[in-house]
Amino acid sequence: MLLWIFRRFFQFKVNFFMEFQVNYLGKTVLILSCVGLISCSAVPVVTQQTQPTGATSQAIHSATTKSLVCVVHPGDQAHGQEKYPGSGAEIGQRVEKAVQQAGWQTVAIKVDAGQSAAECTRRGGTHLLETRVTHYEDNLTGWTLNPDRIELQLRLSPASQPAQVRQVSYEARSNLLASAIVEWGNAKPVSLLKGDFDSLVSRLLSDAR
């Protein structure tokens, strides 16, 4: 019964999308875009989040009272033959937001991995936060019922000692039922980074206080 209701709603959604159009000045204008903020945001199912591991908290502790975290933006992501232009900047900005919510100042670093520590030091940073994305998949879940996925690792180290790394991992996929109901636009995988992600970033950064 539940499956039947789910299928009927999905068919209604498709029909609504195809039919709800108006003609304006000879051009077809699609009225439907994002019905409220939630329609362009995915509901995550967190499949993994780890506690900080690696270097001891003492090794990455900052002796200064004013710390500046250099957030290294990853490159644009791809899955198979599909490429996602701009995804690297979106992920980097989301990580920056989480760091700022944890009470830290940030500066964005967009250089090759081998140069990030030197660039961070040059710009007055005390800590380096690198994001390594291991999986990024955007499937237009609300229409395909194939979940979006994002898997990443955050690596925190003192800018002066980049080998002293403390890290966490985070993995999430979109909730299929919620996406089928509320996702009318295309929620990107980065929108899966919600409150649990912010808490994880805060725990990682607390070791550097």
C-alpha atoms as a PDB file:
ATOM      1  CA  MET A   1       0.000   0.000   0.000  1.00  0.00           C
ATOM      2  CA  LEU A   2       2.756   2.428   0.935  1.00  0.00           C
ATOM      3  CA  LEU A   3       4.620   1.641  -2.280  1.00  0.00           C
ATOM      4  CA  TRP A   4       1.448   2.291  -4.312  1.00  0.00           C
ATOM      5  CA  ILE A   5       0.970   5.684  -2.659  1.00  0.00           C
ATOM      6  CA  PHE A   6       4.614   6.530  -3.242  1.00  0.00           C
ATOM      7  CA  ARG A   7       4.350   5.685  -6.948  1.00  0.00           C
ATOM      8  CA  ARG A   8       1.126   7.640  -7.365  1.00  0.00           C
ATOM      9  CA  PHE A   9       2.675  10.710  -5.790  1.00  0.00           C
ATOM     10  CA  PHE A  10       5.734  10.417  -7.972  1.00  0.00           C
ATOM     11  CA  GLN A  11       3.556  10.195 -11.110  1.00  0.00           C
ATOM     12  CA  PHE A  12       1.612  13.242  -9.963  1.00  0.00           C
ATOM     13  CA  LYS A  13       4.872  15.085  -9.488  1.00  0.00           C
ATOM     14  CA  VAL A  14       6.033  14.252 -13.025  1.00  0.00           C
ATOM     15  CA  ASN A  15       2.679  15.252 -14.558  1.00  0.00           C
ATOM     16  CA  PHE A  16       2.620  18.478 -12.583  1.00  0.00           C
ATOM     17  CA  PHE A  17       6.090  19.359 -13.771  1.00  0.00           C
ATOM     18  CA  MET A  18       5.203  18.725 -17.426  1.00  0.00           C
ATOM     19  CA  GLU A  19       1.832  20.463 -17.470  1.00  0.00           C
ATOM     20  CA  PHE A  20       2.203  23.432 -15.159  1.00  0.00           C
ATOM     21  CA  GLN A  21       3.540  25.898 -17.729  1.00  0.00           C
ATOM     22  CA  VAL A  22       2.410  29.243 -19.095  1.00  0.00           C
ATOM     23  CA  ASN A  23       3.091  30.940 -22.411  1.00  0.00           C
ATOM     24  CA  TYR A  24       4.560  34.400 -22.032  1.00  0.00           C
ATOM     25  CA  LEU A  25       5.509  36.568 -25.043  1.00  0.00           C
ATOM     26  CA  GLY A  26       5.666  33.515 -27.244  1.00  0.00           C
ATOM     27  CA  LYS A  27       8.107  31.674 -24.991  1.00  0.00           C
ATOM     28  CA  THR A  28       7.347  28.799 -22.681  1.00  0.00           C
ATOM     29  CA  VAL A  29       8.201  29.797 -19.146  1.00  0.00           C
ATOM     30  CA  LEU A  30       8.333  27.082 -16.539  1.00  0.00           C
ATOM     31  CA  ILE A  31       6.697  28.355 -13.368  1.00  0.00           C
ATOM     32  CA  LEU A  32       7.856  25.545 -11.204  1.00  0.00           C
ATOM     33  CA  SER A  33      11.426  25.900  -9.933  1.00  0.00           C
ATOM     34  CA  CYS A  34      12.000  25.492  -6.202  1.00  0.00           C
ATOM     35  CA  VAL A  35       8.894  25.322  -4.045  1.00  0.00           C
ATOM     36  CA  GLY A  36      10.303  26.856  -0.897  1.00  0.00           C
ATOM     37  CA  LEU A  37      13.807  26.407   0.419  1.00  0.00           C
ATOM     38  CA  ILE A  38      13.372  22.748   1.334  1.00  0.00           C
ATOM     39  CA  SER A  39      12.762  21.761  -2.319  1.00  0.00           C
ATOM     40  CA  CYS A  40      16.357  22.635  -3.198  1.00  0.00           C
ATOM     41  CA  SER A  41      17.792  20.961  -0.141  1.00  0.00           C
ATOM     42  CA  ALA A  42      18.318  17.266   0.461  1.00  0.00           C
ATOM     43  CA  VAL A  43      17.424  15.396   3.639  1.00  0.00           C
ATOM     44  CA  PRO A  44      20.565  13.446   4.616  1.00  0.00           C
ATOM     45  CA  VAL A  45      20.999   9.958   5.930  1.00  0.00           C
ATOM     46  CA  VAL A  46      24.386  10.033   7.669  1.00  0.00           C
ATOM     47  CA  THR A  47      26.112   6.717   6.996  1.00  0.00           C
ATOM     48  CA  GLN A  48      29.398   7.468   8.744  1.00  0.00           C
ATOM     49  CA  GLN A  49      31.028  10.087  10.939  1.00  0.00           C
ATOM     50  CA  THR A  50      34.160   9.306  12.870  1.00  0.00           C
ATOM     51  CA  GLN A  51      35.745  10.734  15.979  1.00  0.00           C
ATOM     52  CA  PRO A  52      38.964  12.727  15.501  1.00  0.00           C
ATOM     53  CA  THR A  53      42.010  10.488  15.050  1.00  0.00           C
ATOM     54  CA  GLY A  54      45.665  10.925  14.169  1.00  0.00           C
ATOM     55  CA  ALA A  55      47.949  13.432  15.851  1.00  0.00           C
ATOM     56  CA  THR A  56      47.226  14.201  19.500  1.00  0.00           C
ATOM     57  CA  SER A  57      45.216  17.281  20.375  1.00  0.00           C
ATOM     58  CA  GLN A  58      48.334  18.669  22.087  1.00  0.00           C
ATOM     59  CA  ALA A  59      50.232  18.433  18.809  1.00  0.00           C
ATOM     60  CA  ILE A  60      47.777  20.640  16.963  1.00  0.00           C
ATOM     61  CA  HIS A  61      46.939  22.968  19.853  1.00  0.00           C
ATOM     62  CA  SER A  62      47.459  26.643  19.092  1.00  0.00           C
ATOM     63  CA  ALA A  63      49.538  28.681  21.495  1.00  0.00           C
ATOM     64  CA  THR A  64      48.061  31.902  20.146  1.00  0.00           C
ATOM     65  CA  THR A  65      44.842  33.425  21.418  1.00  0.00           C
ATOM     66  CA  LYS A  66      43.688  34.425  17.946  1.00  0.00           C
ATOM     67  CA  SER A  67      43.599  31.494  15.538  1.00  0.00           C
ATOM     68  CA  LEU A  68      42.979  31.692  11.815  1.00  0.00           C
ATOM     69  CA  VAL A  69      41.996  28.528   9.946  1.00  0.00           C
ATOM     70  CA  CYS A  70      43.048  28.251   6.317  1.00  0.00           C
ATOM     71  CA  VAL A  71      40.320  26.236   4.571  1.00  0.00           C
ATOM     72  CA  VAL A  72      41.743  24.573   1.473  1.00  0.00           C
ATOM     73  CA  HIS A  73      39.093  24.355  -1.234  1.00  0.00           C
ATOM     74  CA  PRO A  74      39.072  21.017  -3.076  1.00  0.00           C
ATOM     75  CA  GLY A  75      38.959  20.796  -6.851  1.00  0.00           C
ATOM     76  CA  ASP A  76      35.758  20.268  -8.801  1.00  0.00           C
ATOM     77  CA  GLN A  77      34.344  16.778  -8.438  1.00  0.00           C
ATOM     78  CA  ALA A  78      33.388  14.071 -10.929  1.00  0.00           C
ATOM     79  CA  HIS A  79      31.625  10.723 -10.893  1.00  0.00           C
ATOM     80  CA  GLY A  80      32.375   8.458 -13.821  1.00  0.00           C
ATOM     81  CA  GLN A  81      31.989  10.600 -16.938  1.00  0.00           C
ATOM     82  CA  GLU A  82      29.872  13.163 -15.105  1.00  0.00           C
ATOM     83  CA  LYS A  83      31.668  16.339 -14.071  1.00  0.00           C
ATOM     84  CA  TYR A  84      30.336  18.898 -11.598  1.00  0.00           C
ATOM     85  CA  PRO A  85      31.711  22.385 -12.345  1.00  0.00           C
ATOM     86  CA  GLY A  86      31.817  24.641  -9.309  1.00  0.00           C
ATOM     87  CA  SER A  87      31.403  21.781  -6.823  1.00  0.00           C
ATOM     88  CA  GLY A  88      34.848  22.315  -5.306  1.00  0.00           C
ATOM     89  CA  ALA A  89      34.067  25.924  -4.399  1.00  0.00           C
ATOM     90  CA  GLU A  90      30.653  24.926  -3.014  1.00  0.00           C
ATOM     91  CA  ILE A  91      32.198  22.313  -0.730  1.00  0.00           C
ATOM     92  CA  GLY A  92      34.946  24.689   0.365  1.00  0.00           C
ATOM     93  CA  GLN A  93      32.435  27.407   1.210  1.00  0.00           C
ATOM     94  CA  ARG A  94      30.318  24.944   3.186  1.00  0.00           C
ATOM     95  CA  VAL A  95      33.356  23.874   5.211  1.00  0.00           C
ATOM     96  CA  GLU A  96      34.230  27.519   5.828  1.00  0.00           C
ATOM     97  CA  LYS A  97      30.709  28.133   7.130  1.00  0.00           C
ATOM     98  CA  ALA A  98      31.003  25.208   9.551  1.00  0.00           C
ATOM     99  CA  VAL A  99      34.368  26.492  10.820  1.00  0.00           C
ATOM    100  CA  GLN A 100      32.959  29.989  11.319  1.00  0.00           C
ATOM    101  CA  GLN A 101      29.953  28.611  13.194  1.00  0.00           C
ATOM    102  CA  ALA A 102      32.421  26.900  15.524  1.00  0.00           C
ATOM    103  CA  GLY A 103      33.796  30.346  16.409  1.00  0.00           C
ATOM    104  CA  TRP A 104      36.904  30.497  14.224  1.00  0.00           C
ATOM    105  CA  GLN A 105      38.050  32.978  11.635  1.00  0.00           C
ATOM    106  CA  THR A 106      38.750  31.564   8.184  1.00  0.00           C
ATOM    107  CA  VAL A 107      40.608  32.327   5.016  1.00  0.00           C
ATOM    108  CA  ALA A 108      40.122  30.393   1.779  1.00  0.00           C
ATOM    109  CA  ILE A 109      43.150  28.751   0.195  1.00  0.00           C
ATOM    110  CA  LYS A 110      42.942  27.675  -3.441  1.00  0.00           C
ATOM    111  CA  VAL A 111      46.352  26.296  -4.343  1.00  0.00           C
ATOM    112  CA  ASP A 112      47.922  22.915  -5.037  1.00  0.00           C
ATOM    113  CA  ALA A 113      48.028  20.616  -2.015  1.00  0.00           C
ATOM    114  CA  GLY A 114      51.829  20.770  -1.803  1.00  0.00           C
ATOM    115  CA  GLN A 115      51.759  24.551  -1.450  1.00  0.00           C
ATOM    116  CA  SER A 116      48.834  25.001   0.915  1.00  0.00           C
ATOM    117  CA  ALA A 117      50.824  25.055   4.173  1.00  0.00           C
ATOM    118  CA  ALA A 118      53.238  27.682   2.868  1.00  0.00           C
ATOM    119  CA  GLU A 119      50.377  29.793   1.538  1.00  0.00           C
ATOM    120  CA  CYS A 120      48.543  29.495   4.849  1.00  0.00           C
ATOM    121  CA  THR A 121      51.581  30.670   6.789  1.00  0.00           C
ATOM    122  CA  ARG A 122      52.105  33.530   4.348  1.00  0.00           C
ATOM    123  CA  ARG A 123      48.554  34.710   4.964  1.00  0.00           C
ATOM    124  CA  GLY A 124      48.877  34.558   8.752  1.00  0.00           C
ATOM    125  CA  GLY A 125      47.011  31.312   9.293  1.00  0.00           C
ATOM    126  CA  THR A 126      47.631  29.174  12.372  1.00  0.00           C
ATOM    127  CA  HIS A 127      45.873  26.009  11.175  1.00  0.00           C
ATOM    128  CA  LEU A 128      45.323  24.257   7.889  1.00  0.00           C
ATOM    129  CA  LEU A 129      42.061  22.422   7.166  1.00  0.00           C
ATOM    130  CA  GLU A 130      42.084  20.274   4.044  1.00  0.00           C
ATOM    131  CA  THR A 131      39.037  18.559   2.560  1.00  0.00           C
ATOM    132  CA  ARG A 132      39.580  15.355   0.637  1.00  0.00           C
ATOM    133  CA  VAL A 133      36.449  14.276  -1.206  1.00  0.00           C
ATOM    134  CA  THR A 134      36.395  10.533  -1.853  1.00  0.00           C
ATOM    135  CA  HIS A 135      32.912  10.303  -3.395  1.00  0.00           C
ATOM    136  CA  TYR A 136      30.548  12.883  -4.878  1.00  0.00           C
ATOM    137  CA  GLU A 137      27.458  11.834  -6.808  1.00  0.00           C
ATOM    138  CA  ASP A 138      24.582  14.043  -7.945  1.00  0.00           C
ATOM    139  CA  ASN A 139      21.613  12.034  -9.232  1.00  0.00           C
ATOM    140  CA  LEU A 140      18.639  14.437  -9.236  1.00  0.00           C
ATOM    141  CA  THR A 141      17.186  12.243  -6.511  1.00  0.00           C
ATOM    142  CA  GLY A 142      13.708  13.760  -6.415  1.00  0.00           C
ATOM    143  CA  TRP A 143      13.138  12.548  -9.975  1.00  0.00           C
ATOM    144  CA  THR A 144      15.369   9.500 -10.411  1.00  0.00           C
ATOM    145  CA  LEU A 145      15.014   8.011  -6.887  1.00  0.00           C
ATOM    146  CA  ASN A 146      18.743   7.367  -7.018  1.00  0.00           C
ATOM    147  CA  PRO A 147      20.370   8.909  -3.926  1.00  0.00           C
ATOM    148  CA  ASP A 148      22.942  11.670  -3.985  1.00  0.00           C
ATOM    149  CA  ARG A 149      26.096  10.806  -2.069  1.00  0.00           C
ATOM    150  CA  ILE A 150      28.988  12.661  -0.539  1.00  0.00           C
ATOM    151  CA  GLU A 151      31.956  11.211   1.316  1.00  0.00           C
ATOM    152  CA  LEU A 152      34.829  13.313   2.566  1.00  0.00           C
ATOM    153  CA  GLN A 153      37.692  13.499   4.995  1.00  0.00           C
ATOM    154  CA  LEU A 154      38.713  16.628   6.904  1.00  0.00           C
ATOM    155  CA  ARG A 155      42.390  16.926   7.875  1.00  0.00           C
ATOM    156  CA  LEU A 156      43.442  19.536  10.446  1.00  0.00           C
ATOM    157  CA  SER A 157      47.069  20.447  11.149  1.00  0.00           C
ATOM    158  CA  PRO A 158      49.153  23.372  12.417  1.00  0.00           C
ATOM    159  CA  ALA A 159      50.277  25.482   9.469  1.00  0.00           C
ATOM    160  CA  SER A 160      53.829  25.277  10.793  1.00  0.00           C
ATOM    161  CA  GLN A 161      53.708  21.469  11.114  1.00  0.00           C
ATOM    162  CA  PRO A 162      51.486  20.109   8.317  1.00  0.00           C
ATOM    163  CA  ALA A 163      52.588  16.518   9.024  1.00  0.00           C
ATOM    164  CA  GLN A 164      50.822  16.627  12.424  1.00  0.00           C
ATOM    165  CA  VAL A 165      47.364  15.735  11.109  1.00  0.00           C
ATOM    166  CA  ARG A 166      44.171  15.118  13.051  1.00  0.00           C
ATOM    167  CA  GLN A 167      41.257  13.956  10.927  1.00  0.00           C
ATOM    168  CA  VAL A 168      37.594  12.966  10.741  1.00  0.00           C
ATOM    169  CA  SER A 169      35.458  11.327   8.055  1.00  0.00           C
ATOM    170  CA  TYR A 170      31.876  12.054   7.072  1.00  0.00           C
ATOM    171  CA  GLU A 171      29.583  10.204   4.677  1.00  0.00           C
ATOM    172  CA  ALA A 172      25.941  10.823   3.802  1.00  0.00           C
ATOM    173  CA  ARG A 173      23.346   9.992   1.171  1.00  0.00           C
ATOM    174  CA  SER A 174      19.976  11.533   0.467  1.00  0.00           C
ATOM    175  CA  ASN A 175      16.822  10.153   2.025  1.00  0.00           C
ATOM    176  CA  LEU A 176      14.843   8.695  -0.903  1.00  0.00           C
ATOM    177  CA  LEU A 177      11.371   9.083   0.567  1.00  0.00           C
ATOM    178  CA  ALA A 178      11.950  12.667   1.686  1.00  0.00           C
ATOM    179  CA  SER A 179      13.537  13.590  -1.655  1.00  0.00           C
ATOM    180  CA  ALA A 180      10.645  12.110  -3.627  1.00  0.00           C
ATOM    181  CA  ILE A 181       8.200  14.273  -1.675  1.00  0.00           C
ATOM    182  CA  VAL A 182       9.992  17.603  -1.195  1.00  0.00           C
ATOM    183  CA  GLU A 183      12.802  17.787  -3.743  1.00  0.00           C
ATOM    184  CA  TRP A 184      11.300  19.463  -6.819  1.00  0.00           C
ATOM    185  CA  GLY A 185      14.499  21.147  -7.930  1.00  0.00           C
ATOM    186  CA  ASN A 186      17.958  19.576  -7.848  1.00  0.00           C
ATOM    187  CA  ALA A 187      19.495  19.475  -4.384  1.00  0.00           C
ATOM    188  CA  LYS A 188      23.251  19.156  -4.754  1.00  0.00           C
ATOM    189  CA  PRO A 189      25.237  16.646  -2.688  1.00  0.00           C
ATOM    190  CA  VAL A 190      26.815  19.493  -0.717  1.00  0.00           C
ATOM    191  CA  SER A 191      23.353  20.145   0.770  1.00  0.00           C
ATOM    192  CA  LEU A 192      23.736  16.824   2.611  1.00  0.00           C
ATOM    193  CA  LEU A 193      26.226  18.567   4.909  1.00  0.00           C
ATOM    194  CA  LYS A 194      23.872  19.719   7.652  1.00  0.00           C
ATOM    195  CA  GLY A 195      23.863  19.894  11.457  1.00  0.00           C
ATOM    196  CA  ASP A 196      25.709  16.633  12.066  1.00  0.00           C
ATOM    197  CA  PHE A 197      28.481  17.874   9.808  1.00  0.00           C
ATOM    198  CA  ASP A 198      28.739  21.170  11.697  1.00  0.00           C
ATOM    199  CA  SER A 199      29.000  19.286  14.986  1.00  0.00           C
ATOM    200  CA  LEU A 200      31.740  17.069  13.596  1.00  0.00           C
ATOM    201  CA  VAL A 201      33.758  20.063  12.400  1.00  0.00           C
ATOM    202  CA  SER A 202      33.324  21.703  15.794  1.00  0.00           C
ATOM    203  CA  ARG A 203      34.638  18.592  17.570  1.00  0.00           C
ATOM    204  CA  LEU A 204      37.661  18.475  15.308  1.00  0.00           C
ATOM    205  CA  LEU A 205      38.476  22.139  15.862  1.00  0.00           C
ATOM    206  CA  SER A 206      37.986  21.928  19.629  1.00  0.00           C
ATOM    207  CA  ASP A 207      41.229  19.959  19.822  1.00  0.00           C
ATOM    208  CA  ALA A 208      43.133  22.966  18.498  1.00  0.00           C
ATOM    209  CA  ARG A 209      41.928  25.410  21.160  1.00  0.00           C
END
